Amino acid sequence: MAAVALTREGGEDAFRRLFRFYRQRDAADLRGVVDFSAPGGQVFRSQLSISSVSDQDAYRAGLQPVSQWKAYGLSGYPGFIFIPNPFLPGCQRHWVKQCLKLYPEKPNVCNLDLHMAPEKTTDLWGQSKEQLRRKGSSKWEPRSLLEKLRWVTLGYHYNWDTKKYSANHHTPFPSDLAFLSEQVAAACGFRGFQAQAGILNYYHFDSSLGIHVDESELDHSRPLLSFSFGQSSIFLLGGLKREEAPTAMFMHSGDIMVMSGFSRLLYHAVPRVLPNPEGTTLPSCLDQALSSDLPAGSVIEHSSDEDWQVCAKYLQSSRINMTVRQVLAEGQKFPEESGTNRKGQAPSEDSHHENNKAKRHKPNTV
């Protein structure tokens, strides 16, 4: 059955039906998927706040001047903004390296902490880089620890059991990612955005992200920012109820999504990761080298050739997504919690509502 027909059906959990349709490995009918590289139909140009971000600050974050960005909205989804790759040449490499080499380090939390001793997860990069560099194309080779990484949390660490953030489970938020997020939020009309929590998701070609709503933050007036790198994916954006059929769209390397206002609390999911549409091992935007002349105060760092070889090998079959949130409004505090302890702060892997474990042998159960 074509996706269009599924969409028309509506009724009970239309979201799940479309999720399953796009989850199929042989789903050839992608004509209904919105492609922002060739906008039309329900896609329209969205205005940005160009004066809110100086060209210098954009350069420092590794971004083109905001006046050169293209931004789009979707009819029926007020507050949703899609920005196709606004990164300067070579700058995506910095974020990929941070997500693989730096951000998984302690004191940040990752899925491997659930079933491995702390000393075993202190240097995922060091333990994985040689294995990744030598890796061939066989699916039967043992996976490195980095390839077993599914999620990392930053800042206020989300408690997957209680579905809450708390004041007593917090580590410093990375300053480079905070700066990037603040510039993107300001360009979208949200000056003063504070990056307080992040969830990094690591996908492979057999991964998916279940249907969910991001509602645990105490302040929903601030946007949710999403950054994607590596292989492409299909993203589903639905409504306030799962009975509403979602809109499918492609997300490619470097693309940024902003969910704000009405769209901030909509159901969404990633049913499928796809090879990049250029047909090459990596998207061409990741082949570009970083300029040797970085501006003063840049948060972007040069990656060594050795480091990038490891990152590139990883991305041949993977996609990384960074989502950044402001948890508390200005001056807001967490409610007092009685009898809390640190137990349960790390989730069971099945409780992860953004779990993207491989499900090769059974249907997705979200």
Foldseek 3Di string as FASTA:
>chain_A
DAPVVLQVVQPDLSAVVSLQLQLDPPNPRPVQAAEPVDHDDQKDWDAWPQVLADQQLCLLLQFGRLVPWTWIDGPPAPQKIKTAFRGDFAQLLQVLLCVQFPQQAPPKDWQVVVPDDPVVRRGQCVQCLVVLLPDDDDPPDDHGVSLVTFKIKAAQFQQLVVRATAPVRGDDGDPSVQSNVQNVQVRRPRHPFGFGMKMKGKAFQQWKFAKDWNDRFPDQQGKKKKAKAFFKFWKWWFALDSSNHTRIYIDYHNMMMIQHDRRNGTIMITSGTDGHPVPDLTPVSNVGHDDPDRDPNRPGDHDDPSSSSSSSSSRSGMMMMMMTHDRADVPDHDDDDPPDDCPSSNDNLVSRNGRTDRDPPDRDDD
